[in-house]
C-alpha cells in the first residue's frame, strides 16, 4: 500500500494500536511529547497538556474511564502524508476513531499533526501531537 512507504506510517499505526489496546507502557515509550500535546477530550473539546506528568495522568484517566464504561476504540487512517529529514519530520493524518460503548458506535473524524524526532539511539518518537475534531456521528 502507498501509505506504508511514507515516513512514520508504521509508528503512527503503532500509536493508534496502543491507544486502542489501552497500552500505556508502549504508548509512553513511543511518545516523548517534549512540547506537550493538544488532544480531544471526552466531551469533544480541545485539551492542552503541557508536561509529561499531565500526559501520563491524561492517558491513565482516559484508559480507566474507557474500562469503567466497558468501551473500546479502534482507529481507521483515512489520509496520510509525511515529510522526513535526518533529525525530525512530521505527519498529517486524517482518521476516524470509533468508540464502541453500550451497543452504540460513535465515529469521531479528526485530523492530527504529529512532529517526530530522531532519538540519540536512532529510533523515532512522537515529539508533539495536535489533534482537532472535525465531526462526530452516533
N, C-alpha and C. Protein backbone atom coordinates (compact mmCIF):
# COMPACT_ATOMS: atom_id res chain seq x y z
N UNK A 1 0.84 -1.19 0.00
CA UNK A 1 0.00 0.00 0.00
C UNK A 1 0.88 1.24 0.00
N UNK A 2 0.42 2.28 -0.63
CA UNK A 2 1.20 3.51 -0.80
C UNK A 2 1.57 4.17 0.52
N UNK A 3 0.63 4.25 1.46
CA UNK A 3 0.90 4.91 2.75
C UNK A 3 2.00 4.21 3.53
N UNK A 4 2.08 2.90 3.42
CA UNK A 4 3.06 2.14 4.19
C UNK A 4 4.49 2.50 3.84
N UNK A 5 4.70 3.12 2.68
CA UNK A 5 6.03 3.53 2.25
C UNK A 5 6.40 4.92 2.76
N UNK A 6 5.43 5.64 3.30
CA UNK A 6 5.66 7.01 3.74
C UNK A 6 6.31 7.02 5.13
N UNK A 7 7.10 8.06 5.40
CA UNK A 7 7.77 8.15 6.71
C UNK A 7 6.77 8.13 7.87
N UNK A 8 7.15 7.46 8.93
CA UNK A 8 6.43 7.43 10.20
C UNK A 8 5.08 6.71 10.15
N UNK A 9 4.76 6.10 9.01
CA UNK A 9 3.47 5.41 8.92
C UNK A 9 3.40 4.26 9.93
N UNK A 10 4.44 3.45 9.99
CA UNK A 10 4.44 2.32 10.93
C UNK A 10 4.32 2.81 12.37
N UNK A 11 5.02 3.88 12.70
CA UNK A 11 4.95 4.43 14.05
C UNK A 11 3.54 4.94 14.35
N UNK A 12 2.91 5.56 13.35
CA UNK A 12 1.56 6.08 13.54
C UNK A 12 0.56 4.95 13.76
N UNK A 13 0.68 3.89 12.98
CA UNK A 13 -0.19 2.73 13.15
C UNK A 13 0.00 2.14 14.55
N UNK A 14 1.24 2.03 14.99
CA UNK A 14 1.51 1.52 16.35
C UNK A 14 0.90 2.42 17.41
N UNK A 15 1.04 3.72 17.23
CA UNK A 15 0.50 4.68 18.18
C UNK A 15 -1.01 4.47 18.35
N UNK A 16 -1.73 4.42 17.22
CA UNK A 16 -3.18 4.20 17.29
C UNK A 16 -3.51 2.84 17.90
N UNK A 17 -2.72 1.83 17.58
CA UNK A 17 -2.93 0.49 18.14
C UNK A 17 -2.77 0.51 19.66
N UNK A 18 -1.74 1.18 20.15
CA UNK A 18 -1.51 1.25 21.59
C UNK A 18 -2.66 1.95 22.30
N UNK A 19 -3.21 2.99 21.69
CA UNK A 19 -4.36 3.67 22.28
C UNK A 19 -5.56 2.73 22.32
N UNK A 20 -5.83 2.04 21.20
CA UNK A 20 -6.97 1.11 21.16
C UNK A 20 -6.84 -0.02 22.17
N UNK A 21 -5.61 -0.43 22.43
CA UNK A 21 -5.36 -1.51 23.39
C UNK A 21 -5.24 -1.01 24.83
N UNK A 22 -5.35 0.30 25.03
CA UNK A 22 -5.11 0.91 26.34
C UNK A 22 -3.73 0.51 26.87
N UNK A 23 -2.76 0.47 25.99
CA UNK A 23 -1.41 0.00 26.28
C UNK A 23 -0.53 1.20 26.65
N UNK A 24 -0.62 1.60 27.91
CA UNK A 24 0.09 2.79 28.35
C UNK A 24 1.60 2.66 28.21
N UNK A 25 2.15 1.52 28.58
CA UNK A 25 3.61 1.36 28.60
C UNK A 25 4.23 1.56 27.22
N UNK A 26 3.68 0.88 26.21
CA UNK A 26 4.25 1.02 24.87
C UNK A 26 3.97 2.40 24.28
N UNK A 27 2.79 2.96 24.58
CA UNK A 27 2.48 4.31 24.12
C UNK A 27 3.47 5.31 24.73
N UNK A 28 3.73 5.17 26.01
CA UNK A 28 4.66 6.07 26.69
C UNK A 28 6.07 5.96 26.13
N UNK A 29 6.46 4.77 25.70
CA UNK A 29 7.78 4.57 25.11
C UNK A 29 7.89 5.22 23.73
N UNK A 30 6.79 5.25 22.98
CA UNK A 30 6.79 5.82 21.63
C UNK A 30 6.69 7.34 21.64
N UNK A 31 6.18 7.91 22.72
CA UNK A 31 5.89 9.34 22.76
C UNK A 31 6.72 10.05 23.83
N UNK A 32 7.44 11.09 23.41
CA UNK A 32 8.11 11.97 24.36
C UNK A 32 7.28 13.22 24.61
N UNK A 33 6.68 13.76 23.54
CA UNK A 33 5.84 14.95 23.63
C UNK A 33 6.53 16.06 24.40
N UNK A 34 7.73 16.39 23.96
CA UNK A 34 8.56 17.42 24.57
C UNK A 34 7.83 18.75 24.77
N UNK A 35 6.97 19.09 23.83
CA UNK A 35 6.30 20.39 23.86
C UNK A 35 4.82 20.24 24.19
N UNK A 36 4.45 19.11 24.78
CA UNK A 36 3.06 18.89 25.15
C UNK A 36 2.24 18.41 23.96
N UNK A 37 0.95 18.26 24.21
CA UNK A 37 0.04 17.86 23.15
C UNK A 37 -1.24 18.68 23.26
N UNK A 38 -1.97 18.73 22.16
CA UNK A 38 -3.35 19.20 22.17
C UNK A 38 -4.17 18.00 21.70
N UNK A 39 -4.99 17.47 22.60
CA UNK A 39 -5.78 16.28 22.29
C UNK A 39 -7.25 16.65 22.35
N UNK A 40 -8.08 15.67 22.08
CA UNK A 40 -9.53 15.87 22.12
C UNK A 40 -10.03 15.23 23.40
N UNK A 41 -10.71 16.02 24.23
CA UNK A 41 -11.18 15.47 25.49
C UNK A 41 -12.44 14.63 25.27
N UNK A 42 -12.92 14.00 26.32
CA UNK A 42 -14.05 13.08 26.19
C UNK A 42 -15.37 13.79 25.88
N UNK A 43 -15.39 15.11 25.95
CA UNK A 43 -16.58 15.87 25.58
C UNK A 43 -16.46 16.46 24.18
N UNK A 44 -15.36 16.17 23.48
CA UNK A 44 -15.18 16.67 22.12
C UNK A 44 -14.44 17.99 22.04
N UNK A 45 -14.06 18.54 23.17
CA UNK A 45 -13.32 19.80 23.17
C UNK A 45 -11.82 19.58 23.12
N UNK A 46 -11.09 20.67 23.00
CA UNK A 46 -9.64 20.59 23.00
C UNK A 46 -9.08 20.49 24.41
N UNK A 47 -8.02 19.73 24.56
CA UNK A 47 -7.38 19.58 25.87
C UNK A 47 -5.89 19.84 25.70
N UNK A 48 -5.40 20.90 26.34
CA UNK A 48 -3.98 21.24 26.29
C UNK A 48 -3.26 20.51 27.41
N UNK A 49 -2.23 19.77 27.05
CA UNK A 49 -1.42 19.02 28.01
C UNK A 49 0.01 19.49 27.83
N UNK A 50 0.59 20.09 28.86
CA UNK A 50 1.88 20.77 28.73
C UNK A 50 3.08 19.96 29.23
N UNK A 51 2.88 19.07 30.18
CA UNK A 51 4.02 18.39 30.80
C UNK A 51 3.87 16.87 30.66
N UNK A 52 4.97 16.17 30.89
CA UNK A 52 4.93 14.71 30.85
C UNK A 52 4.00 14.16 31.93
N UNK A 53 4.01 14.76 33.11
CA UNK A 53 3.13 14.29 34.18
C UNK A 53 1.66 14.47 33.79
N UNK A 54 1.32 15.61 33.19
CA UNK A 54 -0.05 15.81 32.71
C UNK A 54 -0.40 14.78 31.64
N UNK A 55 0.57 14.48 30.76
CA UNK A 55 0.37 13.49 29.70
C UNK A 55 0.07 12.13 30.32
N UNK A 56 0.88 11.71 31.28
CA UNK A 56 0.67 10.41 31.93
C UNK A 56 -0.68 10.37 32.64
N UNK A 57 -1.02 11.43 33.36
CA UNK A 57 -2.31 11.49 34.05
C UNK A 57 -3.47 11.39 33.06
N UNK A 58 -3.36 12.12 31.94
CA UNK A 58 -4.41 12.12 30.92
C UNK A 58 -4.67 10.71 30.40
N UNK A 59 -3.62 9.99 30.04
CA UNK A 59 -3.84 8.66 29.48
C UNK A 59 -4.26 7.65 30.54
N UNK A 60 -3.74 7.74 31.75
CA UNK A 60 -4.21 6.84 32.81
C UNK A 60 -5.70 7.06 33.07
N UNK A 61 -6.12 8.33 33.15
CA UNK A 61 -7.54 8.65 33.38
C UNK A 61 -8.40 8.22 32.21
N UNK A 62 -7.94 8.47 30.99
CA UNK A 62 -8.71 8.09 29.80
C UNK A 62 -8.90 6.58 29.73
N UNK A 63 -7.82 5.84 29.91
CA UNK A 63 -7.92 4.38 29.83
C UNK A 63 -8.80 3.82 30.95
N UNK A 64 -8.72 4.40 32.14
CA UNK A 64 -9.58 3.96 33.25
C UNK A 64 -11.05 4.26 32.95
N UNK A 65 -11.31 5.41 32.35
CA UNK A 65 -12.69 5.77 32.02
C UNK A 65 -13.25 4.82 30.97
N UNK A 66 -12.47 4.50 29.95
CA UNK A 66 -12.92 3.56 28.92
C UNK A 66 -13.21 2.19 29.54
N UNK A 67 -12.35 1.75 30.44
CA UNK A 67 -12.54 0.46 31.09
C UNK A 67 -13.82 0.47 31.93
N UNK A 68 -14.03 1.54 32.69
CA UNK A 68 -15.22 1.65 33.54
C UNK A 68 -16.51 1.66 32.71
N UNK A 69 -16.44 2.22 31.51
CA UNK A 69 -17.59 2.27 30.60
C UNK A 69 -17.76 0.97 29.82
N UNK A 70 -16.82 0.04 29.98
CA UNK A 70 -16.78 -1.18 29.17
C UNK A 70 -16.78 -0.81 27.68
N UNK A 71 -15.96 0.18 27.35
CA UNK A 71 -15.89 0.70 25.99
C UNK A 71 -14.57 0.29 25.35
N UNK A 72 -14.56 0.31 24.04
CA UNK A 72 -13.32 0.07 23.31
C UNK A 72 -13.28 1.00 22.11
N UNK A 73 -12.09 1.19 21.58
CA UNK A 73 -11.92 2.06 20.41
C UNK A 73 -11.10 1.34 19.35
N UNK A 74 -11.23 1.82 18.13
CA UNK A 74 -10.29 1.49 17.07
C UNK A 74 -10.18 2.70 16.17
N UNK A 75 -9.16 2.69 15.34
CA UNK A 75 -8.88 3.86 14.51
C UNK A 75 -8.61 3.44 13.08
N UNK A 76 -9.24 4.15 12.15
CA UNK A 76 -9.01 3.94 10.73
C UNK A 76 -8.33 5.19 10.16
N UNK A 77 -7.17 5.01 9.56
CA UNK A 77 -6.48 6.11 8.91
C UNK A 77 -7.14 6.36 7.56
N UNK A 78 -7.59 7.59 7.34
CA UNK A 78 -8.29 7.95 6.10
C UNK A 78 -7.34 8.56 5.08
N UNK A 79 -6.50 9.49 5.51
CA UNK A 79 -5.46 10.05 4.65
C UNK A 79 -4.19 10.18 5.48
N UNK A 80 -3.06 10.10 4.78
CA UNK A 80 -1.78 10.15 5.48
C UNK A 80 -0.74 10.80 4.59
N UNK A 81 -0.04 11.78 5.13
CA UNK A 81 1.09 12.41 4.44
C UNK A 81 2.18 12.68 5.46
N UNK A 82 3.43 12.69 5.00
CA UNK A 82 4.54 12.92 5.92
C UNK A 82 5.77 13.40 5.17
N UNK A 83 6.60 14.13 5.90
CA UNK A 83 7.92 14.55 5.43
C UNK A 83 8.93 14.19 6.49
N UNK A 84 10.16 13.88 6.06
CA UNK A 84 11.19 13.44 6.99
C UNK A 84 12.53 14.02 6.60
N UNK A 85 13.26 14.52 7.60
CA UNK A 85 14.65 14.91 7.42
C UNK A 85 15.49 13.97 8.28
N UNK A 86 16.77 14.23 8.36
CA UNK A 86 17.63 13.33 9.13
C UNK A 86 17.27 13.31 10.62
N UNK A 87 16.90 14.46 11.18
CA UNK A 87 16.69 14.54 12.63
C UNK A 87 15.24 14.65 13.05
N UNK A 88 14.36 15.07 12.13
CA UNK A 88 12.96 15.23 12.51
C UNK A 88 12.06 15.17 11.29
N UNK A 89 10.78 15.16 11.54
CA UNK A 89 9.81 15.15 10.47
C UNK A 89 8.43 15.38 11.04
N UNK A 90 7.43 15.34 10.15
CA UNK A 90 6.07 15.47 10.63
C UNK A 90 5.13 14.68 9.74
N UNK A 91 3.99 14.35 10.30
CA UNK A 91 2.95 13.68 9.54
C UNK A 91 1.63 14.38 9.81
N UNK A 92 0.76 14.33 8.81
CA UNK A 92 -0.59 14.87 8.91
C UNK A 92 -1.53 13.71 8.61
N UNK A 93 -2.39 13.41 9.56
CA UNK A 93 -3.22 12.22 9.47
C UNK A 93 -4.68 12.59 9.67
N UNK A 94 -5.52 12.24 8.70
CA UNK A 94 -6.96 12.29 8.92
C UNK A 94 -7.38 10.89 9.30
N UNK A 95 -8.19 10.79 10.35
CA UNK A 95 -8.58 9.46 10.82
C UNK A 95 -9.98 9.48 11.41
N UNK A 96 -10.54 8.29 11.50
CA UNK A 96 -11.82 8.09 12.17
C UNK A 96 -11.57 7.17 13.35
N UNK A 97 -11.82 7.69 14.54
CA UNK A 97 -11.71 6.85 15.74
C UNK A 97 -13.12 6.46 16.15
N UNK A 98 -13.33 5.16 16.23
CA UNK A 98 -14.65 4.64 16.60
C UNK A 98 -14.64 4.28 18.08
N UNK A 99 -15.72 4.64 18.75
CA UNK A 99 -15.93 4.32 20.16
C UNK A 99 -17.12 3.38 20.25
N UNK A 100 -16.87 2.18 20.76
CA UNK A 100 -17.91 1.17 20.92
C UNK A 100 -18.30 1.14 22.39
N UNK A 101 -19.54 1.51 22.68
CA UNK A 101 -19.99 1.55 24.07
C UNK A 101 -21.51 1.35 24.12
N UNK A 102 -21.96 0.49 25.01
CA UNK A 102 -23.39 0.30 25.22
C UNK A 102 -24.16 -0.07 23.97
N UNK A 103 -23.57 -0.85 23.10
CA UNK A 103 -24.25 -1.25 21.87
C UNK A 103 -24.28 -0.19 20.79
N UNK A 104 -23.66 0.94 21.02
CA UNK A 104 -23.61 2.02 20.04
C UNK A 104 -22.18 2.20 19.55
N UNK A 105 -22.07 2.84 18.39
CA UNK A 105 -20.76 3.16 17.83
C UNK A 105 -20.73 4.65 17.52
N UNK A 106 -19.84 5.36 18.18
CA UNK A 106 -19.61 6.76 17.85
C UNK A 106 -18.42 6.85 16.92
N UNK A 107 -18.54 7.71 15.92
CA UNK A 107 -17.43 7.92 14.98
C UNK A 107 -16.94 9.35 15.13
N UNK A 108 -15.65 9.47 15.37
CA UNK A 108 -15.03 10.77 15.58
C UNK A 108 -14.00 10.99 14.48
N UNK A 109 -14.32 11.91 13.58
CA UNK A 109 -13.45 12.21 12.45
C UNK A 109 -12.51 13.34 12.86
N UNK A 110 -11.21 13.09 12.76
CA UNK A 110 -10.21 14.01 13.29
C UNK A 110 -9.08 14.22 12.29
N UNK A 111 -8.31 15.25 12.54
CA UNK A 111 -7.05 15.46 11.84
C UNK A 111 -6.00 15.76 12.91
N UNK A 112 -4.81 15.21 12.71
CA UNK A 112 -3.73 15.43 13.66
C UNK A 112 -2.45 15.75 12.90
N UNK A 113 -1.68 16.66 13.45
CA UNK A 113 -0.31 16.89 13.00
C UNK A 113 0.60 16.33 14.08
N UNK A 114 1.51 15.46 13.67
CA UNK A 114 2.44 14.83 14.60
C UNK A 114 3.86 15.24 14.22
N UNK A 115 4.60 15.77 15.17
CA UNK A 115 6.02 16.07 14.97
C UNK A 115 6.80 14.87 15.51
N UNK A 116 7.73 14.37 14.69
CA UNK A 116 8.56 13.23 15.06
C UNK A 116 10.00 13.68 15.20
N UNK A 117 10.72 13.08 16.15
CA UNK A 117 12.14 13.39 16.32
C UNK A 117 12.94 12.09 16.38
N UNK A 118 14.16 12.16 15.89
CA UNK A 118 15.06 11.01 15.99
C UNK A 118 15.77 11.09 17.34
N UNK A 119 15.78 9.99 18.06
CA UNK A 119 16.45 9.95 19.36
C UNK A 119 17.94 9.69 19.16
N UNK A 120 18.70 9.85 20.22
CA UNK A 120 20.14 9.58 20.17
C UNK A 120 20.42 8.14 19.77
N UNK A 121 19.51 7.23 20.10
CA UNK A 121 19.66 5.83 19.74
C UNK A 121 19.24 5.50 18.32
N UNK A 122 18.69 6.51 17.61
CA UNK A 122 18.31 6.31 16.21
C UNK A 122 16.86 5.97 15.96
N UNK A 123 16.09 5.75 17.02
CA UNK A 123 14.67 5.46 16.83
C UNK A 123 13.89 6.78 16.70
N UNK A 124 12.65 6.69 16.27
CA UNK A 124 11.79 7.86 16.13
C UNK A 124 10.75 7.88 17.23
N UNK A 125 10.51 9.08 17.79
CA UNK A 125 9.50 9.25 18.82
C UNK A 125 8.63 10.46 18.48
N UNK A 126 7.39 10.36 18.93
CA UNK A 126 6.49 11.50 18.80
C UNK A 126 6.97 12.60 19.73
N UNK A 127 7.14 13.80 19.19
CA UNK A 127 7.58 14.94 20.00
C UNK A 127 6.45 15.95 20.23
N UNK A 128 5.42 15.88 19.40
CA UNK A 128 4.28 16.81 19.54
C UNK A 128 3.09 16.23 18.80
N UNK A 129 1.92 16.36 19.37
CA UNK A 129 0.66 15.88 18.80
C UNK A 129 -0.33 17.03 18.91
N UNK A 130 -0.98 17.37 17.81
CA UNK A 130 -2.00 18.43 17.84
C UNK A 130 -3.19 17.94 17.02
N UNK A 131 -4.26 17.58 17.71
CA UNK A 131 -5.44 16.99 17.05
C UNK A 131 -6.62 17.95 17.10
N UNK A 132 -7.45 17.85 16.08
CA UNK A 132 -8.71 18.60 16.03
C UNK A 132 -9.83 17.65 15.62
N UNK A 133 -10.97 17.80 16.27
CA UNK A 133 -12.16 17.04 15.92
C UNK A 133 -12.88 17.77 14.80
N UNK A 134 -13.13 17.07 13.69
CA UNK A 134 -13.80 17.67 12.54
C UNK A 134 -15.31 17.46 12.61
N UNK A 135 -15.73 16.24 12.96
CA UNK A 135 -17.16 15.96 13.13
C UNK A 135 -17.30 14.65 13.88
N UNK A 136 -18.49 14.44 14.42
CA UNK A 136 -18.79 13.17 15.08
C UNK A 136 -20.15 12.68 14.64
N UNK A 137 -20.31 11.36 14.65
CA UNK A 137 -21.56 10.72 14.26
C UNK A 137 -21.89 9.64 15.29
N UNK A 138 -23.17 9.55 15.62
CA UNK A 138 -23.65 8.46 16.51
C UNK A 138 -24.79 7.75 15.83
